[in-house]
Full PDB file with SEQRES, HELIX, SHEET, SSBOND, CRYST1, ORIGX, SCALE, CONECT and MASTER records, all heavy atoms in Angstrom:
SEQRES   1 A   31  SER CYS TYR ALA ASP ASN PRO ALA ILE ARG GLY TYR ARG          
SEQRES   2 A   31  ASN PHE ILE ARG ARG HIS GLY GLY ARG GLU CYS GLY TYR          
SEQRES   3 A   31  TYR ARG GLN TYR ALA                                          
HELIX    1 AA1 ILE A    9  HIS A   19  1                                  11    
CRYST1    1.000    1.000    1.000  90.00  90.00  90.00 P 1           1          
ORIGX1      1.000000  0.000000  0.000000        0.00000                         
ORIGX2      0.000000  1.000000  0.000000        0.00000                         
ORIGX3      0.000000  0.000000  1.000000        0.00000                         
SCALE1      1.000000  0.000000  0.000000        0.00000                         
SCALE2      0.000000  1.000000  0.000000        0.00000                         
SCALE3      0.000000  0.000000  1.000000        0.00000                         
ATOM      1  N   SER A   1       1.108   7.008   8.185  1.00  0.00           N  
ATOM      2  CA  SER A   1       2.197   7.336   9.095  1.00  0.00           C  
ATOM      3  C   SER A   1       3.490   7.466   8.314  1.00  0.00           C  
ATOM      4  O   SER A   1       3.603   6.998   7.174  1.00  0.00           O  
ATOM      5  CB  SER A   1       2.323   6.275  10.196  1.00  0.00           C  
ATOM      6  OG  SER A   1       2.601   5.023   9.631  1.00  0.00           O  
ATOM      7  N   CYS A   2       4.440   8.107   8.961  1.00  0.00           N  
ATOM      8  CA  CYS A   2       5.747   8.347   8.336  1.00  0.00           C  
ATOM      9  C   CYS A   2       6.790   8.405   9.443  1.00  0.00           C  
ATOM     10  O   CYS A   2       6.521   8.966  10.511  1.00  0.00           O  
ATOM     11  CB  CYS A   2       5.692   9.681   7.577  1.00  0.00           C  
ATOM     12  SG  CYS A   2       7.233  10.149   6.777  1.00  0.00           S  
ATOM     13  N   TYR A   3       7.942   7.836   9.206  1.00  0.00           N  
ATOM     14  CA  TYR A   3       9.015   7.955  10.186  1.00  0.00           C  
ATOM     15  C   TYR A   3       9.485   9.402  10.230  1.00  0.00           C  
ATOM     16  O   TYR A   3       9.595  10.072   9.201  1.00  0.00           O  
ATOM     17  CB  TYR A   3      10.164   6.998   9.868  1.00  0.00           C  
ATOM     18  CG  TYR A   3       9.723   5.573  10.074  1.00  0.00           C  
ATOM     19  CD1 TYR A   3       9.476   4.744   8.998  1.00  0.00           C  
ATOM     20  CD2 TYR A   3       9.488   5.090  11.356  1.00  0.00           C  
ATOM     21  CE1 TYR A   3       9.014   3.455   9.195  1.00  0.00           C  
ATOM     22  CE2 TYR A   3       9.028   3.809  11.560  1.00  0.00           C  
ATOM     23  CZ  TYR A   3       8.794   2.997  10.484  1.00  0.00           C  
ATOM     24  OH  TYR A   3       8.318   1.729  10.672  1.00  0.00           O  
ATOM     25  N   ALA A   4       9.735   9.878  11.439  1.00  0.00           N  
ATOM     26  CA  ALA A   4      10.015  11.294  11.660  1.00  0.00           C  
ATOM     27  C   ALA A   4      11.249  11.784  10.913  1.00  0.00           C  
ATOM     28  O   ALA A   4      11.322  12.959  10.557  1.00  0.00           O  
ATOM     29  CB  ALA A   4      10.162  11.573  13.156  1.00  0.00           C  
ATOM     30  N   ASP A   5      12.195  10.908  10.654  1.00  0.00           N  
ATOM     31  CA  ASP A   5      13.401  11.340   9.943  1.00  0.00           C  
ATOM     32  C   ASP A   5      13.396  10.950   8.459  1.00  0.00           C  
ATOM     33  O   ASP A   5      14.401  11.088   7.770  1.00  0.00           O  
ATOM     34  CB  ASP A   5      14.665  10.826  10.631  1.00  0.00           C  
ATOM     35  CG  ASP A   5      14.595   9.373  11.052  1.00  0.00           C  
ATOM     36  OD1 ASP A   5      13.512   8.760  10.927  1.00  0.00           O  
ATOM     37  OD2 ASP A   5      15.611   8.846  11.517  1.00  0.00           O  
ATOM     38  N   ASN A   6      12.251  10.533   7.951  1.00  0.00           N  
ATOM     39  CA  ASN A   6      12.084  10.268   6.519  1.00  0.00           C  
ATOM     40  C   ASN A   6      12.011  11.619   5.799  1.00  0.00           C  
ATOM     41  O   ASN A   6      11.192  12.470   6.166  1.00  0.00           O  
ATOM     42  CB  ASN A   6      10.788   9.477   6.292  1.00  0.00           C  
ATOM     43  CG  ASN A   6      10.551   9.114   4.850  1.00  0.00           C  
ATOM     44  OD1 ASN A   6      11.112   9.696   3.935  1.00  0.00           O  
ATOM     45  ND2 ASN A   6       9.673   8.151   4.646  1.00  0.00           N  
ATOM     46  N   PRO A   7      12.833  11.843   4.785  1.00  0.00           N  
ATOM     47  CA  PRO A   7      12.780  13.125   4.069  1.00  0.00           C  
ATOM     48  C   PRO A   7      11.393  13.447   3.493  1.00  0.00           C  
ATOM     49  O   PRO A   7      11.054  14.619   3.322  1.00  0.00           O  
ATOM     50  CB  PRO A   7      13.806  12.948   2.949  1.00  0.00           C  
ATOM     51  CG  PRO A   7      14.744  11.890   3.440  1.00  0.00           C  
ATOM     52  CD  PRO A   7      13.911  10.978   4.293  1.00  0.00           C  
ATOM     53  N   ALA A   8      10.570  12.444   3.240  1.00  0.00           N  
ATOM     54  CA  ALA A   8       9.230  12.668   2.687  1.00  0.00           C  
ATOM     55  C   ALA A   8       8.308  13.377   3.674  1.00  0.00           C  
ATOM     56  O   ALA A   8       7.278  13.932   3.267  1.00  0.00           O  
ATOM     57  CB  ALA A   8       8.610  11.347   2.257  1.00  0.00           C  
ATOM     58  N   ILE A   9       8.657  13.395   4.942  1.00  0.00           N  
ATOM     59  CA  ILE A   9       7.762  13.984   5.941  1.00  0.00           C  
ATOM     60  C   ILE A   9       7.517  15.469   5.680  1.00  0.00           C  
ATOM     61  O   ILE A   9       6.433  15.989   5.964  1.00  0.00           O  
ATOM     62  CB  ILE A   9       8.272  13.739   7.384  1.00  0.00           C  
ATOM     63  CG1 ILE A   9       7.111  13.906   8.369  1.00  0.00           C  
ATOM     64  CG2 ILE A   9       9.438  14.651   7.714  1.00  0.00           C  
ATOM     65  CD1 ILE A   9       7.413  13.366   9.756  1.00  0.00           C  
ATOM     66  N   ARG A  10       8.488  16.142   5.120  1.00  0.00           N  
ATOM     67  CA  ARG A  10       8.315  17.569   4.801  1.00  0.00           C  
ATOM     68  C   ARG A  10       7.154  17.764   3.813  1.00  0.00           C  
ATOM     69  O   ARG A  10       6.302  18.622   3.998  1.00  0.00           O  
ATOM     70  CB  ARG A  10       9.610  18.129   4.222  1.00  0.00           C  
ATOM     71  CG  ARG A  10       9.538  19.585   3.909  1.00  0.00           C  
ATOM     72  CD  ARG A  10      10.919  20.115   3.507  1.00  0.00           C  
ATOM     73  NE  ARG A  10      10.774  21.452   3.020  1.00  0.00           N  
ATOM     74  CZ  ARG A  10      11.197  21.869   1.853  1.00  0.00           C  
ATOM     75  NH1 ARG A  10      11.842  21.053   1.047  1.00  0.00           N  
ATOM     76  NH2 ARG A  10      11.025  23.103   1.479  1.00  0.00           N  
ATOM     77  N   GLY A  11       7.103  16.924   2.787  1.00  0.00           N  
ATOM     78  CA  GLY A  11       6.016  16.987   1.814  1.00  0.00           C  
ATOM     79  C   GLY A  11       4.674  16.647   2.437  1.00  0.00           C  
ATOM     80  O   GLY A  11       3.658  17.275   2.127  1.00  0.00           O  
ATOM     81  N   TYR A  12       4.646  15.664   3.347  1.00  0.00           N  
ATOM     82  CA  TYR A  12       3.398  15.299   4.016  1.00  0.00           C  
ATOM     83  C   TYR A  12       2.892  16.445   4.893  1.00  0.00           C  
ATOM     84  O   TYR A  12       1.696  16.736   4.918  1.00  0.00           O  
ATOM     85  CB  TYR A  12       3.574  14.039   4.861  1.00  0.00           C  
ATOM     86  CG  TYR A  12       3.935  12.802   4.072  1.00  0.00           C  
ATOM     87  CD1 TYR A  12       4.730  11.819   4.615  1.00  0.00           C  
ATOM     88  CD2 TYR A  12       3.474  12.615   2.770  1.00  0.00           C  
ATOM     89  CE1 TYR A  12       5.054  10.671   3.906  1.00  0.00           C  
ATOM     90  CE2 TYR A  12       3.794  11.483   2.045  1.00  0.00           C  
ATOM     91  CZ  TYR A  12       4.587  10.515   2.629  1.00  0.00           C  
ATOM     92  OH  TYR A  12       4.907   9.391   1.918  1.00  0.00           O  
ATOM     93  N   ARG A  13       3.813  17.084   5.595  1.00  0.00           N  
ATOM     94  CA  ARG A  13       3.401  18.217   6.442  1.00  0.00           C  
ATOM     95  C   ARG A  13       2.879  19.372   5.597  1.00  0.00           C  
ATOM     96  O   ARG A  13       1.893  20.013   5.961  1.00  0.00           O  
ATOM     97  CB  ARG A  13       4.555  18.649   7.334  1.00  0.00           C  
ATOM     98  CG  ARG A  13       4.790  17.674   8.468  1.00  0.00           C  
ATOM     99  CD  ARG A  13       5.914  18.085   9.383  1.00  0.00           C  
ATOM    100  NE  ARG A  13       5.866  17.286  10.594  1.00  0.00           N  
ATOM    101  CZ  ARG A  13       6.945  16.839  11.228  1.00  0.00           C  
ATOM    102  NH1 ARG A  13       8.159  17.120  10.775  1.00  0.00           N  
ATOM    103  NH2 ARG A  13       6.816  16.128  12.323  1.00  0.00           N  
ATOM    104  N   ASN A  14       3.521  19.644   4.498  1.00  0.00           N  
ATOM    105  CA  ASN A  14       3.020  20.696   3.597  1.00  0.00           C  
ATOM    106  C   ASN A  14       1.648  20.331   3.051  1.00  0.00           C  
ATOM    107  O   ASN A  14       0.763  21.178   2.945  1.00  0.00           O  
ATOM    108  CB  ASN A  14       3.989  20.934   2.438  1.00  0.00           C  
ATOM    109  CG  ASN A  14       5.242  21.660   2.864  1.00  0.00           C  
ATOM    110  OD1 ASN A  14       5.253  22.363   3.868  1.00  0.00           O  
ATOM    111  ND2 ASN A  14       6.316  21.471   2.122  1.00  0.00           N  
ATOM    112  N   PHE A  15       1.465  19.059   2.711  1.00  0.00           N  
ATOM    113  CA  PHE A  15       0.196  18.612   2.142  1.00  0.00           C  
ATOM    114  C   PHE A  15      -0.950  18.785   3.137  1.00  0.00           C  
ATOM    115  O   PHE A  15      -2.006  19.306   2.793  1.00  0.00           O  
ATOM    116  CB  PHE A  15       0.300  17.154   1.687  1.00  0.00           C  
ATOM    117  CG  PHE A  15      -0.895  16.689   0.924  1.00  0.00           C  
ATOM    118  CD1 PHE A  15      -1.016  16.966  -0.426  1.00  0.00           C  
ATOM    119  CD2 PHE A  15      -1.920  15.998   1.549  1.00  0.00           C  
ATOM    120  CE1 PHE A  15      -2.130  16.559  -1.144  1.00  0.00           C  
ATOM    121  CE2 PHE A  15      -3.039  15.586   0.848  1.00  0.00           C  
ATOM    122  CZ  PHE A  15      -3.144  15.874  -0.502  1.00  0.00           C  
ATOM    123  N   ILE A  16      -0.758  18.351   4.378  1.00  0.00           N  
ATOM    124  CA  ILE A  16      -1.848  18.480   5.346  1.00  0.00           C  
ATOM    125  C   ILE A  16      -2.117  19.942   5.693  1.00  0.00           C  
ATOM    126  O   ILE A  16      -3.256  20.316   5.956  1.00  0.00           O  
ATOM    127  CB  ILE A  16      -1.626  17.642   6.618  1.00  0.00           C  
ATOM    128  CG1 ILE A  16      -0.387  18.099   7.364  1.00  0.00           C  
ATOM    129  CG2 ILE A  16      -1.586  16.168   6.288  1.00  0.00           C  
ATOM    130  CD1 ILE A  16      -0.311  17.611   8.799  1.00  0.00           C  
ATOM    131  N   ARG A  17      -1.093  20.758   5.676  1.00  0.00           N  
ATOM    132  CA  ARG A  17      -1.281  22.184   5.953  1.00  0.00           C  
ATOM    133  C   ARG A  17      -2.164  22.818   4.872  1.00  0.00           C  
ATOM    134  O   ARG A  17      -3.040  23.615   5.159  1.00  0.00           O  
ATOM    135  CB  ARG A  17       0.078  22.881   6.049  1.00  0.00           C  
ATOM    136  CG  ARG A  17       0.023  24.282   6.581  1.00  0.00           C  
ATOM    137  CD  ARG A  17       1.386  24.926   6.869  1.00  0.00           C  
ATOM    138  NE  ARG A  17       2.545  24.419   6.165  1.00  0.00           N  
ATOM    139  CZ  ARG A  17       3.452  23.572   6.679  1.00  0.00           C  
ATOM    140  NH1 ARG A  17       3.320  23.115   7.906  1.00  0.00           N  
ATOM    141  NH2 ARG A  17       4.488  23.177   5.973  1.00  0.00           N  
ATOM    142  N   ARG A  18      -1.941  22.442   3.622  1.00  0.00           N  
ATOM    143  CA  ARG A  18      -2.717  22.997   2.506  1.00  0.00           C  
ATOM    144  C   ARG A  18      -4.102  22.389   2.369  1.00  0.00           C  
ATOM    145  O   ARG A  18      -4.993  23.009   1.791  1.00  0.00           O  
ATOM    146  CB  ARG A  18      -1.961  22.788   1.195  1.00  0.00           C  
ATOM    147  CG  ARG A  18      -0.930  23.864   0.924  1.00  0.00           C  
ATOM    148  CD  ARG A  18      -0.297  23.667  -0.438  1.00  0.00           C  
ATOM    149  NE  ARG A  18       0.970  22.987  -0.175  1.00  0.00           N  
ATOM    150  CZ  ARG A  18       1.490  22.028  -0.897  1.00  0.00           C  
ATOM    151  NH1 ARG A  18       0.885  21.599  -1.970  1.00  0.00           N  
ATOM    152  NH2 ARG A  18       2.629  21.479  -0.570  1.00  0.00           N  
ATOM    153  N   HIS A  19      -4.280  21.178   2.873  1.00  0.00           N  
ATOM    154  CA  HIS A  19      -5.527  20.458   2.599  1.00  0.00           C  
ATOM    155  C   HIS A  19      -6.333  20.097   3.840  1.00  0.00           C  
ATOM    156  O   HIS A  19      -7.176  19.195   3.784  1.00  0.00           O  
ATOM    157  CB  HIS A  19      -5.233  19.208   1.776  1.00  0.00           C  
ATOM    158  CG  HIS A  19      -4.667  19.524   0.435  1.00  0.00           C  
ATOM    159  ND1 HIS A  19      -5.418  20.054  -0.586  1.00  0.00           N  
ATOM    160  CD2 HIS A  19      -3.398  19.427  -0.038  1.00  0.00           C  
ATOM    161  CE1 HIS A  19      -4.647  20.251  -1.637  1.00  0.00           C  
ATOM    162  NE2 HIS A  19      -3.417  19.876  -1.333  1.00  0.00           N  
ATOM    163  N   GLY A  20      -6.102  20.788   4.937  1.00  0.00           N  
ATOM    164  CA  GLY A  20      -6.962  20.636   6.097  1.00  0.00           C  
ATOM    165  C   GLY A  20      -6.705  19.434   6.980  1.00  0.00           C  
ATOM    166  O   GLY A  20      -7.526  19.106   7.818  1.00  0.00           O  
ATOM    167  N   GLY A  21      -5.582  18.783   6.836  1.00  0.00           N  
ATOM    168  CA  GLY A  21      -5.293  17.624   7.675  1.00  0.00           C  
ATOM    169  C   GLY A  21      -4.577  18.019   8.940  1.00  0.00           C  
ATOM    170  O   GLY A  21      -4.440  19.201   9.262  1.00  0.00           O  
ATOM    171  N   ARG A  22      -4.136  17.014   9.667  1.00  0.00           N  
ATOM    172  CA  ARG A  22      -3.398  17.290  10.899  1.00  0.00           C  
ATOM    173  C   ARG A  22      -2.494  16.118  11.261  1.00  0.00           C  
ATOM    174  O   ARG A  22      -2.702  14.987  10.805  1.00  0.00           O  
ATOM    175  CB  ARG A  22      -4.350  17.591  12.039  1.00  0.00           C  
ATOM    176  CG  ARG A  22      -5.151  16.398  12.496  1.00  0.00           C  
ATOM    177  CD  ARG A  22      -6.163  16.778  13.568  1.00  0.00           C  
ATOM    178  NE  ARG A  22      -6.807  15.587  14.056  1.00  0.00           N  
ATOM    179  CZ  ARG A  22      -6.700  15.138  15.308  1.00  0.00           C  
ATOM    180  NH1 ARG A  22      -5.968  15.781  16.175  1.00  0.00           N  
ATOM    181  NH2 ARG A  22      -7.322  14.037  15.661  1.00  0.00           N  
ATOM    182  N   GLU A  23      -1.503  16.412  12.063  1.00  0.00           N  
ATOM    183  CA  GLU A  23      -0.716  15.376  12.704  1.00  0.00           C  
ATOM    184  C   GLU A  23      -1.514  14.949  13.919  1.00  0.00           C  
ATOM    185  O   GLU A  23      -1.862  15.771  14.752  1.00  0.00           O  
ATOM    186  CB  GLU A  23       0.655  15.905  13.135  1.00  0.00           C  
ATOM    187  CG  GLU A  23       1.582  16.151  11.987  1.00  0.00           C  
ATOM    188  CD  GLU A  23       2.986  16.547  12.429  1.00  0.00           C  
ATOM    189  OE1 GLU A  23       3.456  16.076  13.500  1.00  0.00           O  
ATOM    190  OE2 GLU A  23       3.609  17.330  11.703  1.00  0.00           O  
ATOM    191  N   CYS A  24      -1.822  13.680  14.009  1.00  0.00           N  
ATOM    192  CA  CYS A  24      -2.689  13.238  15.103  1.00  0.00           C  
ATOM    193  C   CYS A  24      -2.000  12.293  16.074  1.00  0.00           C  
ATOM    194  O   CYS A  24      -2.625  11.804  17.006  1.00  0.00           O  
ATOM    195  CB  CYS A  24      -3.965  12.611  14.547  1.00  0.00           C  
ATOM    196  SG  CYS A  24      -3.675  11.247  13.437  1.00  0.00           S  
ATOM    197  N   GLY A  25      -0.727  12.037  15.859  1.00  0.00           N  
ATOM    198  CA  GLY A  25      -0.010  11.176  16.785  1.00  0.00           C  
ATOM    199  C   GLY A  25       1.480  11.215  16.554  1.00  0.00           C  
ATOM    200  O   GLY A  25       1.942  11.435  15.426  1.00  0.00           O  
ATOM    201  N   TYR A  26       2.224  11.052  17.615  1.00  0.00           N  
ATOM    202  CA  TYR A  26       3.674  10.984  17.537  1.00  0.00           C  
ATOM    203  C   TYR A  26       4.098   9.827  18.439  1.00  0.00           C  
ATOM    204  O   TYR A  26       3.812   9.824  19.632  1.00  0.00           O  
ATOM    205  CB  TYR A  26       4.316  12.294  18.003  1.00  0.00           C  
ATOM    206  CG  TYR A  26       5.779  12.386  17.641  1.00  0.00           C  
ATOM    207  CD1 TYR A  26       6.185  13.053  16.494  1.00  0.00           C  
ATOM    208  CD2 TYR A  26       6.754  11.795  18.433  1.00  0.00           C  
ATOM    209  CE1 TYR A  26       7.526  13.134  16.151  1.00  0.00           C  
ATOM    210  CE2 TYR A  26       8.086  11.866  18.087  1.00  0.00           C  
ATOM    211  CZ  TYR A  26       8.465  12.534  16.954  1.00  0.00           C  
ATOM    212  OH  TYR A  26       9.800  12.608  16.601  1.00  0.00           O  
ATOM    213  N   TYR A  27       4.723   8.830  17.844  1.00  0.00           N  
ATOM    214  CA  TYR A  27       5.134   7.654  18.583  1.00  0.00           C  
ATOM    215  C   TYR A  27       6.653   7.613  18.662  1.00  0.00           C  
ATOM    216  O   TYR A  27       7.321   7.522  17.630  1.00  0.00           O  
ATOM    217  CB  TYR A  27       4.608   6.387  17.894  1.00  0.00           C  
ATOM    218  CG  TYR A  27       3.110   6.421  17.720  1.00  0.00           C  
ATOM    219  CD1 TYR A  27       2.544   6.848  16.530  1.00  0.00           C  
ATOM    220  CD2 TYR A  27       2.273   6.063  18.767  1.00  0.00           C  
ATOM    221  CE1 TYR A  27       1.165   6.912  16.376  1.00  0.00           C  
ATOM    222  CE2 TYR A  27       0.899   6.116  18.619  1.00  0.00           C  
ATOM    223  CZ  TYR A  27       0.352   6.540  17.429  1.00  0.00           C  
ATOM    224  OH  TYR A  27      -1.002   6.597  17.292  1.00  0.00           O  
ATOM    225  N   ARG A  28       7.163   7.682  19.887  1.00  0.00           N  
ATOM    226  CA  ARG A  28       8.612   7.706  20.074  1.00  0.00           C  
ATOM    227  C   ARG A  28       9.187   6.295  20.034  1.00  0.00           C  
ATOM    228  O   ARG A  28       8.564   5.354  20.508  1.00  0.00           O  
ATOM    229  CB  ARG A  28       8.950   8.381  21.401  1.00  0.00           C  
ATOM    230  CG  ARG A  28       8.484   9.836  21.410  1.00  0.00           C  
ATOM    231  CD  ARG A  28       8.776  10.566  22.682  1.00  0.00           C  
ATOM    232  NE  ARG A  28       8.191   9.875  23.809  1.00  0.00           N  
ATOM    233  CZ  ARG A  28       8.692   9.937  25.043  1.00  0.00           C  
ATOM    234  NH1 ARG A  28       9.763  10.661  25.306  1.00  0.00           N  
ATOM    235  NH2 ARG A  28       8.114   9.282  26.025  1.00  0.00           N  
ATOM    236  N   GLN A  29      10.367   6.191  19.427  1.00  0.00           N  
ATOM    237  CA  GLN A  29      11.089   4.919  19.325  1.00  0.00           C  
ATOM    238  C   GLN A  29      10.153   3.790  18.889  1.00  0.00           C  
ATOM    239  O   GLN A  29      10.090   2.729  19.479  1.00  0.00           O  
ATOM    240  CB  GLN A  29      11.780   4.590  20.639  1.00  0.00           C  
ATOM    241  CG  GLN A  29      12.795   5.633  21.024  1.00  0.00           C  
ATOM    242  CD  GLN A  29      13.496   5.322  22.323  1.00  0.00           C  
ATOM    243  OE1 GLN A  29      13.322   4.264  22.918  1.00  0.00           O  
ATOM    244  NE2 GLN A  29      14.330   6.248  22.767  1.00  0.00           N  
ATOM    245  N   TYR A  30       9.459   4.026  17.809  1.00  0.00           N  
ATOM    246  CA  TYR A  30       8.390   3.150  17.334  1.00  0.00           C  
ATOM    247  C   TYR A  30       8.894   1.871  16.668  1.00  0.00           C  
ATOM    248  O   TYR A  30       8.295   0.823  16.819  1.00  0.00           O  
ATOM    249  CB  TYR A  30       7.513   3.940  16.361  1.00  0.00           C  
ATOM    250  CG  TYR A  30       6.331   3.187  15.848  1.00  0.00           C  
ATOM    251  CD1 TYR A  30       5.213   2.980  16.656  1.00  0.00           C  
ATOM    252  CD2 TYR A  30       6.311   2.675  14.561  1.00  0.00           C  
ATOM    253  CE1 TYR A  30       4.113   2.289  16.194  1.00  0.00           C  
ATOM    254  CE2 TYR A  30       5.209   1.978  14.090  1.00  0.00           C  
ATOM    255  CZ  TYR A  30       4.116   1.786  14.914  1.00  0.00           C  
ATOM    256  OH  TYR A  30       3.032   1.103  14.461  1.00  0.00           O  
ATOM    257  N   ALA A  31       9.971   1.971  15.893  1.00  0.00           N  
ATOM    258  CA  ALA A  31      10.436   0.794  15.153  1.00  0.00           C  
ATOM    259  C   ALA A  31      11.949   0.844  14.954  1.00  0.00           C  
ATOM    260  O   ALA A  31      12.526   1.904  14.764  1.00  0.00           O  
ATOM    261  CB  ALA A  31       9.749   0.720  13.793  1.00  0.00           C  
TER     262      ALA A  31                                                      
MASTER        0    0    0    1    0    0    0    6  261    1    0    3          
END                                                                             
């Protein structure tokens, strides 16, 4: 998991797009 406003999320999204992954959950106001 990654916090939605973490700058690293862009790299994670690119990685799953290239390697067959997916976003499987979005938790609002999680922490």
